[in-house]
Structures are given as C-alpha cells and as structure tokens.
Amino acid sequence: LVKKVIHKRVEPTNADRNIGETGVTVTEINNILGTGEVNLKGIVWTARSNDDSVIPKDTQVTVTKIEGVKLIVEKK
C-alpha cells in the first residue's frame, strides 16, 4: 500500500508529441491581455508566448512546451 502512494505512475499524453511542431496563430497572442490561439494540426489551442512578446495573427510559431491546456510558443 505504501509503495502505491510513494511511487505514482506518470501517464504520458499524446499532447507531448506537439512539442517542436509548427502552427499558425488564429488570433493575436498577447500574454498581458490573456489572448491568443494557435491552429496546430487542425486543432485550435489556447496559446501564450514564451517571452511575453506579442505575436500577430497568421504568424508561424513553434511549440516549446505545454502547460496544462495551453501551448507555450515562440515566433518561428
């Protein structure tokens, strides 16, 4: 019983496969206003920039990491 509590299994998700992929911004990404969406492989994700820069609409971006359900991206 103690081993089950101490050694929790981490379930990998398919979302990890999106790191390093290229997408296109659907709306402007602005971390201060909390706005931004990226189309990645036909799915629209909420997104934030990794360096707090504003990224305009229709810009190609690269996914650097995923935090919860948000993509963290950088301008390509």
C-alpha atoms as a PDB file:
ATOM      1  CA  LEU A   1       0.000   0.000   0.000  1.00  0.00           C
ATOM      2  CA  VAL A   2       2.826   2.418   0.865  1.00  0.00           C
ATOM      3  CA  LYS A   3       4.586   1.672  -2.434  1.00  0.00           C
ATOM      4  CA  LYS A   4       1.454   2.693  -4.356  1.00  0.00           C
ATOM      5  CA  VAL A   5       1.366   6.057  -2.586  1.00  0.00           C
ATOM      6  CA  ILE A   6       5.100   6.737  -2.914  1.00  0.00           C
ATOM      7  CA  HIS A   7       5.600   5.507  -6.493  1.00  0.00           C
ATOM      8  CA  LYS A   8       2.852   7.165  -8.500  1.00  0.00           C
ATOM      9  CA  ARG A   9       2.864   6.350 -12.182  1.00  0.00           C
ATOM     10  CA  VAL A  10       3.022   9.242 -14.609  1.00  0.00           C
ATOM     11  CA  GLU A  11       0.675   8.771 -17.545  1.00  0.00           C
ATOM     12  CA  PRO A  12       2.176  10.162 -20.749  1.00  0.00           C
ATOM     13  CA  THR A  13      -0.230  12.005 -23.008  1.00  0.00           C
ATOM     14  CA  ASN A  14      -0.296  12.453 -26.753  1.00  0.00           C
ATOM     15  CA  ALA A  15      -0.062  16.221 -26.250  1.00  0.00           C
ATOM     16  CA  ASP A  16       3.688  15.816 -25.629  1.00  0.00           C
ATOM     17  CA  ARG A  17       4.061  14.922 -29.302  1.00  0.00           C
ATOM     18  CA  ASN A  18       3.169  18.516 -30.227  1.00  0.00           C
ATOM     19  CA  ILE A  19       6.353  19.969 -28.732  1.00  0.00           C
ATOM     20  CA  GLY A  20       8.567  21.195 -31.550  1.00  0.00           C
ATOM     21  CA  GLU A  21       5.698  21.265 -34.070  1.00  0.00           C
ATOM     22  CA  THR A  22       4.788  24.332 -36.140  1.00  0.00           C
ATOM     23  CA  GLY A  23       1.381  26.002 -36.017  1.00  0.00           C
ATOM     24  CA  VAL A  24      -0.255  29.236 -37.174  1.00  0.00           C
ATOM     25  CA  THR A  25      -1.755  31.869 -34.885  1.00  0.00           C
ATOM     26  CA  VAL A  26      -5.525  32.233 -35.263  1.00  0.00           C
ATOM     27  CA  THR A  27      -5.707  35.310 -33.026  1.00  0.00           C
ATOM     28  CA  GLU A  28      -3.009  37.660 -31.754  1.00  0.00           C
ATOM     29  CA  ILE A  29      -1.051  36.232 -28.817  1.00  0.00           C
ATOM     30  CA  ASN A  30      -0.760  38.780 -26.016  1.00  0.00           C
ATOM     31  CA  ASN A  31       0.158  37.457 -22.572  1.00  0.00           C
ATOM     32  CA  ILE A  32      -0.784  40.700 -20.803  1.00  0.00           C
ATOM     33  CA  LEU A  33      -4.339  40.621 -22.173  1.00  0.00           C
ATOM     34  CA  GLY A  34      -4.501  36.827 -21.863  1.00  0.00           C
ATOM     35  CA  THR A  35      -5.405  36.309 -25.513  1.00  0.00           C
ATOM     36  CA  GLY A  36      -4.086  34.020 -28.204  1.00  0.00           C
ATOM     37  CA  GLU A  37      -4.955  30.894 -30.128  1.00  0.00           C
ATOM     38  CA  VAL A  38      -2.903  28.645 -32.402  1.00  0.00           C
ATOM     39  CA  ASN A  39      -4.088  26.180 -35.041  1.00  0.00           C
ATOM     40  CA  LEU A  40      -1.907  23.093 -34.697  1.00  0.00           C
ATOM     41  CA  LYS A  41      -2.676  20.092 -36.918  1.00  0.00           C
ATOM     42  CA  GLY A  42      -6.268  21.259 -37.397  1.00  0.00           C
ATOM     43  CA  ILE A  43      -6.939  21.760 -33.675  1.00  0.00           C
ATOM     44  CA  VAL A  44      -7.206  25.237 -32.150  1.00  0.00           C
ATOM     45  CA  TRP A  45      -5.332  25.577 -28.842  1.00  0.00           C
ATOM     46  CA  THR A  46      -5.116  28.442 -26.370  1.00  0.00           C
ATOM     47  CA  ALA A  47      -1.562  29.769 -26.536  1.00  0.00           C
ATOM     48  CA  ARG A  48       0.880  32.094 -24.802  1.00  0.00           C
ATOM     49  CA  SER A  49       4.288  33.332 -25.941  1.00  0.00           C
ATOM     50  CA  ASN A  50       7.343  32.082 -24.060  1.00  0.00           C
ATOM     51  CA  ASP A  51       8.953  35.540 -23.801  1.00  0.00           C
ATOM     52  CA  ASP A  52       5.858  37.732 -23.243  1.00  0.00           C
ATOM     53  CA  SER A  53       6.146  39.177 -26.764  1.00  0.00           C
ATOM     54  CA  VAL A  54       3.060  39.999 -28.819  1.00  0.00           C
ATOM     55  CA  ILE A  55       2.718  37.670 -31.810  1.00  0.00           C
ATOM     56  CA  PRO A  56       0.377  38.864 -34.591  1.00  0.00           C
ATOM     57  CA  LYS A  57      -2.359  36.807 -36.244  1.00  0.00           C
ATOM     58  CA  ASP A  58      -1.351  34.450 -39.129  1.00  0.00           C
ATOM     59  CA  THR A  59       2.241  34.064 -37.875  1.00  0.00           C
ATOM     60  CA  GLN A  60       4.020  30.715 -37.858  1.00  0.00           C
ATOM     61  CA  VAL A  61       5.042  29.632 -34.363  1.00  0.00           C
ATOM     62  CA  THR A  62       6.858  26.674 -32.822  1.00  0.00           C
ATOM     63  CA  VAL A  63       5.571  24.915 -29.695  1.00  0.00           C
ATOM     64  CA  THR A  64       8.226  24.963 -26.941  1.00  0.00           C
ATOM     65  CA  LYS A  65       6.198  23.379 -24.124  1.00  0.00           C
ATOM     66  CA  ILE A  66       2.704  22.688 -22.838  1.00  0.00           C
ATOM     67  CA  GLU A  67       1.349  23.983 -19.524  1.00  0.00           C
ATOM     68  CA  GLY A  68      -1.998  22.444 -18.689  1.00  0.00           C
ATOM     69  CA  VAL A  69      -4.139  23.010 -21.794  1.00  0.00           C
ATOM     70  CA  LYS A  70      -2.108  25.951 -23.129  1.00  0.00           C
ATOM     71  CA  LEU A  71       0.651  25.852 -25.686  1.00  0.00           C
ATOM     72  CA  ILE A  72       3.734  27.933 -24.953  1.00  0.00           C
ATOM     73  CA  VAL A  73       5.074  29.090 -28.325  1.00  0.00           C
ATOM     74  CA  GLU A  74       7.812  31.164 -29.915  1.00  0.00           C
ATOM     75  CA  LYS A  75       7.809  33.010 -33.216  1.00  0.00           C
ATOM     76  CA  LYS A  76       9.385  30.934 -35.974  1.00  0.00           C
END
